[in-house]
Amino acid sequence: MGNFAKDFVSILQYLLPGFVSAWVFYGLTSYPKPSQFERVVQAMIFTLFTQASINIVEFILKWIGSYWSVANWGESSSLIWSIIIALFFGFIFSYFANNDKLHKYLRGRNITHQTSYPSEWFGVFLDSTFVVLHFNDERRLYGWPIEWPSEPSKGYFVIADPSWLLDNGKEQRITGVKNMLINVNDVKWIEFLEKTWESNDEKRV
């Protein structure tokens, strides 16, 4: 039993950098957290990248140390660098997951047709534009989305400068209201308009 506990702790220590990277990634992106098994698999993948990078860092630092020595490389050095590298991988993967740059490059070379976003819902809101929220009771709200749910099934919209769109096509501004909080479950579908703040201001002058 003692050997099992010792081996289990050793495995956790080995996978720690991967869990740190995954923790950063899911904290900075809208990807839903996977099951426990999938988290372990992802931690192993991140750990693989981290361990390979540590070997490179160790080689470089020892080579530098042959000319100018500051300290010896040991377990503490390996642990510190593994956390630093794990944080770096978490940030860099989050960066590319949130801006679609890598997938856009790959799509341009017909390597993939996917985006880096967790869903179409997430990607469409990044191209900021005015929206019309169609409520379940047929009302329509027009405004600029400041915040929106990460998933289409839960969360809230924060709509700035909201106005009701009437049946006759006219716009009724909600005076005295800066932002409005809307439950996503009250909305059945959304229109994304080709409009700018400037054209909107001109309409209301």
Protein backbone atom coordinates (compact mmCIF):
# COMPACT_ATOMS: atom_id res chain seq x y z
CA MET A 1 0.00 0.00 0.00
CA GLY A 2 2.88 2.31 0.83
CA ASN A 3 4.52 1.71 -2.56
CA PHE A 4 1.23 2.42 -4.34
CA ALA A 5 0.81 5.72 -2.52
CA LYS A 6 4.40 6.66 -3.31
CA ASP A 7 3.97 5.78 -6.99
CA PHE A 8 0.69 7.67 -7.14
CA VAL A 9 2.30 10.82 -5.74
CA SER A 10 5.17 10.45 -8.21
CA ILE A 11 2.71 10.22 -11.10
CA LEU A 12 0.87 13.32 -9.89
CA GLN A 13 4.15 15.22 -9.61
CA TYR A 14 5.08 14.13 -13.12
CA LEU A 15 1.70 15.25 -14.50
CA LEU A 16 1.62 18.48 -12.48
CA PRO A 17 2.95 20.68 -15.34
CA GLY A 18 0.27 19.29 -17.65
CA PHE A 19 -2.47 20.04 -15.14
CA VAL A 20 -1.11 23.58 -14.72
CA SER A 21 -1.22 24.14 -18.50
CA ALA A 22 -4.76 22.74 -18.70
CA TRP A 23 -5.84 24.89 -15.75
CA VAL A 24 -4.58 28.04 -17.50
CA PHE A 25 -6.10 27.00 -20.83
CA TYR A 26 -9.62 26.37 -19.50
CA GLY A 27 -9.41 29.46 -17.31
CA LEU A 28 -8.70 31.73 -20.30
CA THR A 29 -10.90 30.15 -22.98
CA SER A 30 -14.57 29.29 -23.34
CA TYR A 31 -13.96 25.61 -23.92
CA PRO A 32 -16.12 23.44 -21.65
CA LYS A 33 -14.16 21.38 -19.15
CA PRO A 34 -13.92 17.74 -20.30
CA SER A 35 -14.45 14.60 -18.25
CA GLN A 36 -11.92 13.50 -15.64
CA PHE A 37 -10.38 10.93 -17.99
CA GLU A 38 -10.01 13.46 -20.80
CA ARG A 39 -8.38 15.91 -18.39
CA VAL A 40 -5.76 13.31 -17.50
CA VAL A 41 -5.11 12.61 -21.18
CA GLN A 42 -4.73 16.33 -21.89
CA ALA A 43 -2.44 16.71 -18.88
CA MET A 44 -0.28 13.92 -20.30
CA ILE A 45 -0.09 15.68 -23.66
CA PHE A 46 0.84 19.00 -22.06
CA THR A 47 3.35 17.19 -19.86
CA LEU A 48 4.97 15.66 -22.95
CA PHE A 49 5.50 19.14 -24.42
CA THR A 50 6.76 20.42 -21.07
CA GLN A 51 9.22 17.60 -20.47
CA ALA A 52 10.65 17.95 -23.97
CA SER A 53 11.09 21.68 -23.40
CA ILE A 54 12.72 21.11 -20.01
CA ASN A 55 15.32 18.87 -21.62
CA ILE A 56 16.09 21.62 -24.13
CA VAL A 57 16.28 24.27 -21.39
CA GLU A 58 18.48 22.03 -19.26
CA PHE A 59 20.87 21.46 -22.16
CA ILE A 60 21.05 25.21 -22.93
CA LEU A 61 21.55 26.23 -19.29
CA LYS A 62 24.23 23.60 -18.72
CA TRP A 63 25.99 24.74 -21.86
CA ILE A 64 25.87 28.34 -20.59
CA GLY A 65 26.99 27.09 -17.18
CA SER A 66 30.14 25.63 -18.69
CA TYR A 67 31.21 29.23 -19.37
CA TRP A 68 29.47 31.09 -16.55
CA SER A 69 28.15 29.08 -13.63
CA VAL A 70 25.43 30.47 -11.33
CA ALA A 71 23.91 27.39 -9.70
CA ASN A 72 23.70 23.63 -10.12
CA TRP A 73 20.85 22.00 -12.00
CA GLY A 74 18.78 19.86 -9.64
CA GLU A 75 15.26 18.72 -8.84
CA SER A 76 14.24 22.17 -7.62
CA SER A 77 15.51 23.76 -10.86
CA SER A 78 13.61 21.19 -12.91
CA LEU A 79 10.41 21.83 -10.92
CA ILE A 80 10.64 25.61 -11.25
CA TRP A 81 11.29 25.47 -14.99
CA SER A 82 8.54 22.90 -15.51
CA ILE A 83 5.99 25.28 -13.91
CA ILE A 84 7.29 28.23 -15.94
CA ILE A 85 7.10 26.26 -19.19
CA ALA A 86 3.69 24.83 -18.26
CA LEU A 87 2.34 28.36 -17.72
CA PHE A 88 3.85 29.43 -21.03
CA PHE A 89 2.17 26.57 -22.91
CA GLY A 90 -1.14 27.33 -21.19
CA PHE A 91 -0.97 30.97 -22.26
CA ILE A 92 0.21 30.26 -25.82
CA PHE A 93 -2.48 27.61 -26.44
CA SER A 94 -5.11 29.97 -25.00
CA TYR A 95 -3.89 32.76 -27.25
CA PHE A 96 -4.29 30.73 -30.43
CA ALA A 97 -7.58 29.21 -29.26
CA ASN A 98 -9.07 32.68 -28.74
CA ASN A 99 -7.98 34.35 -31.99
CA ASP A 100 -8.19 31.58 -34.64
CA LYS A 101 -4.86 32.69 -36.19
CA LEU A 102 -3.32 29.23 -36.35
CA HIS A 103 -6.46 27.58 -37.77
CA LYS A 104 -6.88 30.44 -40.23
CA TYR A 105 -3.35 29.81 -41.51
CA LEU A 106 -4.04 26.07 -41.79
CA ARG A 107 -7.39 26.65 -43.53
CA GLY A 108 -5.62 28.78 -46.11
CA ARG A 109 -3.48 25.74 -46.96
CA ASN A 110 -6.42 23.28 -46.97
CA ILE A 111 -5.02 21.40 -43.99
CA THR A 112 -8.24 21.85 -42.03
CA HIS A 113 -11.67 23.46 -42.34
CA GLN A 114 -12.13 23.88 -38.58
CA THR A 115 -11.77 26.98 -36.43
CA SER A 116 -10.06 27.24 -33.06
CA TYR A 117 -13.29 28.31 -31.37
CA PRO A 118 -15.28 25.88 -29.20
CA SER A 119 -18.45 26.50 -31.24
CA GLU A 120 -20.02 28.63 -33.96
CA TRP A 121 -21.81 30.50 -31.17
CA PHE A 122 -18.52 31.68 -29.72
CA GLY A 123 -16.91 32.64 -33.01
CA VAL A 124 -19.74 34.74 -34.43
CA PHE A 125 -19.81 37.13 -31.47
CA LEU A 126 -16.12 38.01 -31.88
CA ASP A 127 -16.92 40.01 -35.02
CA SER A 128 -18.53 42.82 -33.03
CA THR A 129 -21.67 44.28 -34.54
CA PHE A 130 -25.11 45.44 -33.44
CA VAL A 131 -27.57 42.66 -32.75
CA VAL A 132 -31.32 42.15 -32.55
CA LEU A 133 -32.43 39.69 -29.89
CA HIS A 134 -35.71 37.97 -30.73
CA PHE A 135 -37.49 37.00 -27.53
CA ASN A 136 -39.73 34.00 -27.04
CA ASP A 137 -42.71 36.37 -26.68
CA GLU A 138 -41.95 37.97 -30.10
CA ARG A 139 -40.44 41.18 -28.73
CA ARG A 140 -37.23 42.41 -30.35
CA LEU A 141 -34.37 44.20 -28.60
CA TYR A 142 -31.71 46.12 -30.52
CA GLY A 143 -28.33 47.09 -29.11
CA TRP A 144 -24.61 46.46 -28.85
CA PRO A 145 -23.48 43.26 -27.07
CA ILE A 146 -20.86 44.00 -24.42
CA GLU A 147 -20.90 40.48 -22.98
CA TRP A 148 -22.56 37.27 -24.07
CA PRO A 149 -22.85 33.68 -22.79
CA SER A 150 -20.07 31.23 -23.55
CA GLU A 151 -22.74 28.63 -24.32
CA PRO A 152 -26.13 29.06 -26.01
CA SER A 153 -27.96 27.27 -23.21
CA LYS A 154 -26.99 29.29 -20.13
CA GLY A 155 -25.79 32.73 -19.16
CA TYR A 156 -26.75 36.32 -19.92
CA PHE A 157 -26.36 38.97 -22.61
CA VAL A 158 -25.28 42.45 -21.59
CA ILE A 159 -26.72 44.81 -24.19
CA ALA A 160 -25.54 48.43 -24.27
CA ASP A 161 -27.73 51.33 -25.45
CA PRO A 162 -30.80 49.05 -25.85
CA SER A 163 -33.89 49.88 -27.92
CA TRP A 164 -37.12 48.05 -28.63
CA LEU A 165 -37.94 47.45 -32.28
CA LEU A 166 -41.64 48.01 -32.86
CA ASP A 167 -43.91 46.15 -35.28
CA ASN A 168 -44.05 49.18 -37.58
CA GLY A 169 -40.25 49.05 -38.00
CA LYS A 170 -39.54 52.04 -35.79
CA GLU A 171 -37.03 52.06 -32.97
CA GLN A 172 -38.08 52.97 -29.43
CA ARG A 173 -35.07 53.85 -27.35
CA ILE A 174 -35.15 52.85 -23.68
CA THR A 175 -34.28 56.15 -22.06
CA GLY A 176 -32.26 56.24 -18.85
CA VAL A 177 -30.93 52.70 -19.37
CA LYS A 178 -27.24 52.23 -20.12
CA ASN A 179 -27.09 48.42 -20.21
CA MET A 180 -29.64 45.65 -20.07
CA LEU A 181 -29.08 42.09 -18.77
CA ILE A 182 -30.95 39.43 -20.76
CA ASN A 183 -31.26 35.74 -19.89
CA VAL A 184 -30.22 33.59 -22.87
CA ASN A 185 -33.18 31.30 -22.24
CA ASP A 186 -35.53 34.20 -23.07
CA VAL A 187 -34.03 34.56 -26.56
CA LYS A 188 -34.96 32.26 -29.43
CA TRP A 189 -32.70 33.67 -32.13
CA ILE A 190 -30.33 36.54 -32.90
CA GLU A 191 -29.74 38.85 -35.85
CA PHE A 192 -26.27 40.31 -36.47
CA LEU A 193 -26.50 43.65 -38.29
CA GLU A 194 -24.16 45.45 -40.63
CA LYS A 195 -24.01 48.66 -38.66
CA THR A 196 -21.52 50.92 -36.85
CA TRP A 197 -21.77 53.18 -33.88
CA GLU A 198 -21.44 56.15 -36.24
CA SER A 199 -24.41 55.19 -38.43
CA ASN A 200 -26.46 54.44 -35.34
CA ASP A 201 -25.72 57.87 -33.87
CA GLU A 202 -26.59 59.55 -37.15
CA LYS A 203 -29.98 57.81 -37.16
CA ARG A 204 -30.81 59.15 -33.73
CA VAL A 205 -29.73 62.74 -34.32
